[in-house]
Amino acid sequence: MNKMKFLLGLQFFASKKGVGSTKNGRDSESKRLGAKKSDGQFANAGSIIFRQRGTKIHPGLNVGRGGDDTLFALISGVVKYQRFGKNRTKVSVLPK
């Protein structure tokens, strides 16, 4: 068989191309956390004020906290951020 290949000048190659694998190329979608309403802005009842993980900002007057710690307005009014304590912030909605 080898003698025949030599006489005919045939060269056999691998039938499959080697494919490199990668361990990179994946990432999770951003969660778009943070302030959705800033200080002094008007917020309708039920609108999201602040999206967060944990209680970075605490709910104040007329503000509810969802199951994923999202803060939302319970009434329509003006958003007010306030510092309390050394390093804590709360957000309230004041009726207009």
Protein backbone atom coordinates (compact mmCIF):
# COMPACT_ATOMS: atom_id res chain seq x y z
CA MET A 1 0.00 0.00 0.00
CA ASN A 2 2.75 2.45 0.92
CA LYS A 3 4.57 1.56 -2.29
CA MET A 4 1.42 2.32 -4.24
CA LYS A 5 1.04 5.77 -2.58
CA PHE A 6 4.61 6.58 -3.45
CA LEU A 7 4.21 5.57 -7.08
CA LEU A 8 0.96 7.53 -7.52
CA GLY A 9 2.18 10.57 -5.56
CA LEU A 10 -0.82 10.61 -3.22
CA GLN A 11 -0.77 12.48 0.06
CA PHE A 12 -3.55 11.88 2.63
CA PHE A 13 -4.47 14.70 5.03
CA ALA A 14 -6.51 14.79 8.20
CA SER A 15 -10.20 14.88 7.35
CA LYS A 16 -11.18 17.18 10.22
CA LYS A 17 -9.82 20.62 10.95
CA GLY A 18 -8.54 21.12 14.49
CA VAL A 19 -10.73 23.68 16.30
CA GLY A 20 -9.41 25.72 19.21
CA SER A 21 -11.69 26.04 22.20
CA THR A 22 -12.09 29.18 24.28
CA LYS A 23 -12.82 29.61 27.96
CA ASN A 24 -13.78 33.27 27.55
CA GLY A 25 -16.61 34.96 25.70
CA ARG A 26 -19.43 34.90 28.27
CA ASP A 27 -20.78 37.61 30.53
CA SER A 28 -24.03 38.25 32.35
CA GLU A 29 -26.38 41.02 31.26
CA SER A 30 -26.13 44.23 33.28
CA LYS A 31 -28.93 44.68 35.81
CA ARG A 32 -29.27 48.47 35.39
CA LEU A 33 -29.17 49.20 39.11
CA GLY A 34 -29.08 52.66 40.66
CA ALA A 35 -31.18 55.81 40.93
CA LYS A 36 -34.15 56.09 38.57
CA LYS A 37 -35.42 59.34 40.11
CA SER A 38 -33.13 62.03 41.50
CA ASP A 39 -33.72 64.53 44.30
CA GLY A 40 -36.49 67.00 43.46
CA GLN A 41 -37.99 64.95 40.61
CA PHE A 42 -41.70 64.15 40.51
CA ALA A 43 -42.61 60.47 40.94
CA ASN A 44 -46.00 58.91 40.25
CA ALA A 45 -47.39 56.33 42.67
CA GLY A 46 -45.86 52.93 41.94
CA SER A 47 -42.90 54.27 39.96
CA ILE A 48 -39.43 52.94 40.74
CA ILE A 49 -37.13 55.38 42.55
CA PHE A 50 -34.02 53.28 43.21
CA ARG A 51 -33.01 49.76 42.03
CA GLN A 52 -30.51 48.06 44.35
CA ARG A 53 -29.21 44.84 45.87
CA GLY A 54 -29.43 45.05 49.64
CA THR A 55 -30.40 48.26 51.42
CA LYS A 56 -27.85 50.79 50.20
CA ILE A 57 -30.67 53.36 50.36
CA HIS A 58 -33.40 52.90 53.00
CA PRO A 59 -37.11 53.57 52.41
CA GLY A 60 -38.47 56.67 54.10
CA LEU A 61 -41.88 58.34 54.14
CA ASN A 62 -44.29 57.12 51.41
CA VAL A 63 -41.70 54.74 49.93
CA GLY A 64 -42.11 50.96 49.71
CA ARG A 65 -39.46 48.25 49.35
CA GLY A 66 -39.93 45.37 46.91
CA GLY A 67 -38.76 41.78 47.29
CA ASP A 68 -35.53 42.55 45.40
CA ASP A 69 -34.94 45.69 47.59
CA THR A 70 -36.19 48.04 44.87
CA LEU A 71 -37.60 51.28 46.30
CA PHE A 72 -40.85 52.61 44.80
CA ALA A 73 -43.23 55.50 45.45
CA LEU A 74 -46.43 54.72 47.40
CA ILE A 75 -47.97 58.11 46.51
CA SER A 76 -47.38 60.68 43.78
CA GLY A 77 -45.06 63.47 44.87
CA VAL A 78 -41.55 64.90 44.93
CA VAL A 79 -38.55 62.66 45.69
CA LYS A 80 -36.33 63.72 48.59
CA TYR A 81 -33.02 61.99 49.53
CA GLN A 82 -31.85 62.54 53.14
CA ARG A 83 -28.75 61.50 55.07
CA PHE A 84 -29.28 60.00 58.51
CA GLY A 85 -26.65 58.58 60.77
CA LYS A 86 -23.02 58.56 59.76
CA ASN A 87 -23.27 56.73 56.44
CA ARG A 88 -26.94 55.96 55.79
CA THR A 89 -29.33 57.49 53.28
CA LYS A 90 -33.10 57.30 53.04
CA VAL A 91 -35.45 58.40 50.31
CA SER A 92 -38.92 59.82 50.86
CA VAL A 93 -41.73 61.00 48.61
CA LEU A 94 -43.36 64.23 49.75
CA PRO A 95 -46.86 65.07 48.48
CA LYS A 96 -46.96 68.03 46.14
